[in-house]
Amino acid sequence: MGSLKQTFFKIDRRFGGAEPPPRAQVFLARHSLGTACVVGVFFWLLFAGVLSAFGDVWLLFQSFLCGLGMGLFVWLLCRFESRRQAHYARSGGFRWNPPEPPAKGEDRPPVWLEGLQWICVWAISTVLLWLAGQLSDPPISWQRSAVFAGVFAMMSWVARLTRERKRRRASRDGS
C-alpha cells in the first residue's frame, strides 16, 4: 500500500499537485460533509425533476437514492482531497493558512455555515412534511410543505436565540 501511495504522490507532483490549491478547493476539502449534502440534495432534486418523480413516491425514493449516492461519492472525493492537502502541508509541499481557532467565549459558527445549516434544515423539513402530508386525504403540495418547513425553521431559530439570551443573562447576573 505504501508503494501505491508513493506512486500516486509522484504522479500528482508531476501534474502540478504540489502547487498551492485555489481557495475554493481548500474550502471544499475542509467542508466535505456540507459539500456532499449540497451536491446530494441538488442531484436528488435534479433526478426527481428529470424523472417527474414528484407525483410518484417510488420514483422519488429512487431519485433520493441517486442523490444519496452522488452525495456519498462527493464526500469521498472531498475527504480524499483533504488528506492529499494535509499530506502536502505536512511534508512542506505547499503552505496554506490553517483555520484559526474561534475567540474565547464565542461558540457561534461562521455566517456561511449557519446559512448552510438553515438551508439544510429547511430542505429536509420540506421533504419530511411533504412525505407525511401524503397520508392526508387531499395530499399536501410541495409549496405548502415548503412554507410550513420555513415556519418550523424560523421557530427553531427563535427558540435557539431565546435560549442563548437567557444563558447570557444568567452568566452576566451570576458573574
Protein backbone atom coordinates (compact mmCIF):
# COMPACT_ATOMS: atom_id res chain seq x y z
CA MET A 1 0.00 0.00 0.00
CA GLY A 2 2.91 2.33 0.73
CA SER A 3 4.35 1.96 -2.78
CA LEU A 4 0.94 2.71 -4.28
CA LYS A 5 0.74 5.85 -2.14
CA GLN A 6 4.25 6.94 -3.16
CA THR A 7 3.43 6.32 -6.82
CA PHE A 8 0.26 8.40 -6.53
CA PHE A 9 2.09 11.34 -4.96
CA LYS A 10 4.88 11.11 -7.55
CA ILE A 11 2.33 11.30 -10.38
CA ASP A 12 0.43 14.02 -8.53
CA ARG A 13 3.57 16.15 -8.16
CA ARG A 14 4.39 15.65 -11.84
CA PHE A 15 0.99 17.05 -12.87
CA GLY A 16 1.19 20.03 -10.50
CA GLY A 17 -0.46 18.60 -7.39
CA ALA A 18 2.21 20.07 -5.11
CA GLU A 19 1.22 23.61 -6.12
CA PRO A 20 -0.96 25.50 -3.64
CA PRO A 21 -4.62 24.76 -4.45
CA PRO A 22 -7.16 27.52 -5.10
CA ARG A 23 -9.15 28.80 -2.14
CA ALA A 24 -12.33 27.12 -3.37
CA GLN A 25 -10.60 23.75 -3.49
CA VAL A 26 -9.28 24.21 0.05
CA PHE A 27 -12.75 25.25 1.22
CA LEU A 28 -14.44 22.21 -0.35
CA ALA A 29 -11.81 19.88 1.12
CA ARG A 30 -12.22 21.36 4.59
CA HIS A 31 -16.02 21.15 4.49
CA SER A 32 -16.56 17.77 2.90
CA LEU A 33 -19.84 16.95 4.67
CA GLY A 34 -21.52 20.25 3.80
CA THR A 35 -20.35 19.97 0.21
CA ALA A 36 -21.68 16.43 -0.03
CA CYS A 37 -25.06 17.46 1.42
CA VAL A 38 -25.47 20.32 -1.04
CA VAL A 39 -24.44 18.17 -4.03
CA GLY A 40 -26.62 15.27 -2.87
CA VAL A 41 -29.73 17.45 -2.48
CA PHE A 42 -29.03 19.13 -5.82
CA PHE A 43 -28.74 15.82 -7.66
CA TRP A 44 -31.73 14.39 -5.81
CA LEU A 45 -33.93 17.26 -6.98
CA LEU A 46 -32.38 17.10 -10.46
CA PHE A 47 -33.10 13.37 -10.80
CA ALA A 48 -36.59 13.85 -9.35
CA GLY A 49 -37.31 16.58 -11.87
CA VAL A 50 -35.96 14.59 -14.80
CA LEU A 51 -37.95 11.50 -13.80
CA SER A 52 -41.05 13.57 -12.99
CA ALA A 53 -40.99 11.82 -9.64
CA PHE A 54 -42.82 14.42 -7.57
CA GLY A 55 -46.10 12.58 -8.06
CA ASP A 56 -44.81 9.04 -7.52
CA VAL A 57 -43.34 8.06 -4.17
CA TRP A 58 -41.35 5.12 -5.57
CA LEU A 59 -39.65 7.27 -8.24
CA LEU A 60 -39.00 9.93 -5.61
CA PHE A 61 -37.33 7.32 -3.42
CA GLN A 62 -35.21 6.13 -6.35
CA SER A 63 -34.13 9.68 -7.12
CA PHE A 64 -33.33 10.13 -3.41
CA LEU A 65 -31.08 7.09 -3.56
CA CYS A 66 -29.32 8.51 -6.64
CA GLY A 67 -28.81 11.83 -4.84
CA LEU A 68 -27.56 9.99 -1.76
CA GLY A 69 -25.10 8.06 -3.91
CA MET A 70 -23.83 11.26 -5.52
CA GLY A 71 -23.50 12.89 -2.10
CA LEU A 72 -21.51 9.96 -0.74
CA PHE A 73 -19.28 9.95 -3.82
CA VAL A 74 -18.60 13.70 -3.50
CA TRP A 75 -17.94 13.27 0.24
CA LEU A 76 -15.40 10.55 -0.56
CA LEU A 77 -13.68 12.77 -3.14
CA CYS A 78 -13.57 15.72 -0.74
CA ARG A 79 -12.12 13.55 2.05
CA PHE A 80 -9.51 12.24 -0.38
CA GLU A 81 -8.61 15.79 -1.39
CA SER A 82 -8.44 16.83 2.26
CA ARG A 83 -5.99 14.04 3.02
CA ARG A 84 -3.93 14.94 -0.08
CA GLN A 85 -3.73 18.57 1.02
CA ALA A 86 -2.81 17.53 4.56
CA HIS A 87 -0.01 15.33 3.20
CA TYR A 88 1.49 18.20 1.23
CA ALA A 89 1.08 20.59 4.17
CA ARG A 90 2.89 18.12 6.48
CA SER A 91 5.68 17.39 4.01
CA GLY A 92 6.18 21.07 3.14
CA GLY A 93 4.85 20.74 -0.40
CA PHE A 94 2.81 23.91 -0.08
CA ARG A 95 1.74 26.22 2.69
CA TRP A 96 -1.76 27.35 3.43
CA ASN A 97 -3.07 29.09 6.47
CA PRO A 98 -4.74 26.62 8.80
CA PRO A 99 -8.09 27.70 10.24
CA GLU A 100 -7.78 29.92 13.27
CA PRO A 101 -9.44 28.78 16.47
CA PRO A 102 -12.50 30.80 17.48
CA ALA A 103 -12.12 33.54 20.05
CA LYS A 104 -12.67 32.52 23.65
CA GLY A 105 -16.27 32.74 24.73
CA GLU A 106 -17.54 32.77 21.15
CA ASP A 107 -19.12 29.47 20.17
CA ARG A 108 -21.14 30.67 17.18
CA PRO A 109 -20.39 29.16 13.79
CA PRO A 110 -19.43 31.38 10.83
CA VAL A 111 -22.28 33.04 8.97
CA TRP A 112 -21.92 30.90 5.83
CA LEU A 113 -22.08 27.69 7.90
CA GLU A 114 -25.12 28.90 9.79
CA GLY A 115 -26.82 29.75 6.50
CA LEU A 116 -25.99 26.32 5.11
CA GLN A 117 -27.40 24.71 8.24
CA TRP A 118 -30.68 26.61 7.86
CA ILE A 119 -30.98 25.69 4.20
CA CYS A 120 -30.39 22.01 5.06
CA VAL A 121 -32.93 22.15 7.91
CA TRP A 122 -35.47 23.78 5.61
CA ALA A 123 -34.88 21.30 2.75
CA ILE A 124 -35.05 18.23 4.97
CA SER A 125 -38.12 19.56 6.79
CA THR A 126 -39.82 20.29 3.46
CA VAL A 127 -39.32 16.74 2.26
CA LEU A 128 -40.38 15.18 5.55
CA LEU A 129 -43.51 17.33 5.78
CA TRP A 130 -44.38 16.55 2.18
CA LEU A 131 -43.95 12.81 2.79
CA ALA A 132 -46.06 12.99 5.95
CA GLY A 133 -48.65 15.09 4.11
CA GLN A 134 -49.13 12.37 1.52
CA LEU A 135 -51.05 10.41 4.16
CA SER A 136 -53.79 13.05 4.37
CA ASP A 137 -56.87 12.82 2.17
CA PRO A 138 -56.06 15.74 -0.09
CA PRO A 139 -52.25 15.45 -0.10
CA ILE A 140 -50.19 18.47 0.91
CA SER A 141 -48.44 20.16 -2.01
CA TRP A 142 -44.73 20.92 -2.23
CA GLN A 143 -45.37 24.64 -1.84
CA ARG A 144 -47.39 24.23 1.34
CA SER A 145 -44.83 21.88 2.87
CA ALA A 146 -42.04 24.35 1.97
CA VAL A 147 -43.92 27.16 3.74
CA PHE A 148 -44.55 25.00 6.82
CA ALA A 149 -40.89 23.95 6.84
CA GLY A 150 -39.85 27.61 6.67
CA VAL A 151 -42.08 28.39 9.65
CA PHE A 152 -40.56 25.42 11.50
CA ALA A 153 -37.01 26.63 10.74
CA MET A 154 -37.87 30.16 11.93
CA MET A 155 -39.44 28.86 15.15
CA SER A 156 -36.36 26.74 15.91
CA TRP A 157 -34.14 29.77 15.23
CA VAL A 158 -36.19 31.94 17.60
CA ALA A 159 -36.06 29.22 20.28
CA ARG A 160 -32.27 29.00 19.93
CA LEU A 161 -31.85 32.77 20.18
CA THR A 162 -34.09 32.87 23.26
CA ARG A 163 -32.05 30.15 24.94
CA GLU A 164 -28.79 31.98 24.14
CA ARG A 165 -30.12 35.26 25.56
CA LYS A 166 -31.28 33.56 28.74
CA ARG A 167 -27.90 31.85 29.10
CA ARG A 168 -26.06 35.17 28.59
CA ARG A 169 -28.26 36.93 31.15
CA ALA A 170 -27.74 34.13 33.68
CA SER A 171 -23.95 34.20 33.19
CA ARG A 172 -23.91 38.04 33.39
CA ASP A 173 -26.05 38.11 36.55
CA GLY A 174 -24.03 35.28 38.12
CA SER A 175 -20.68 36.99 37.48
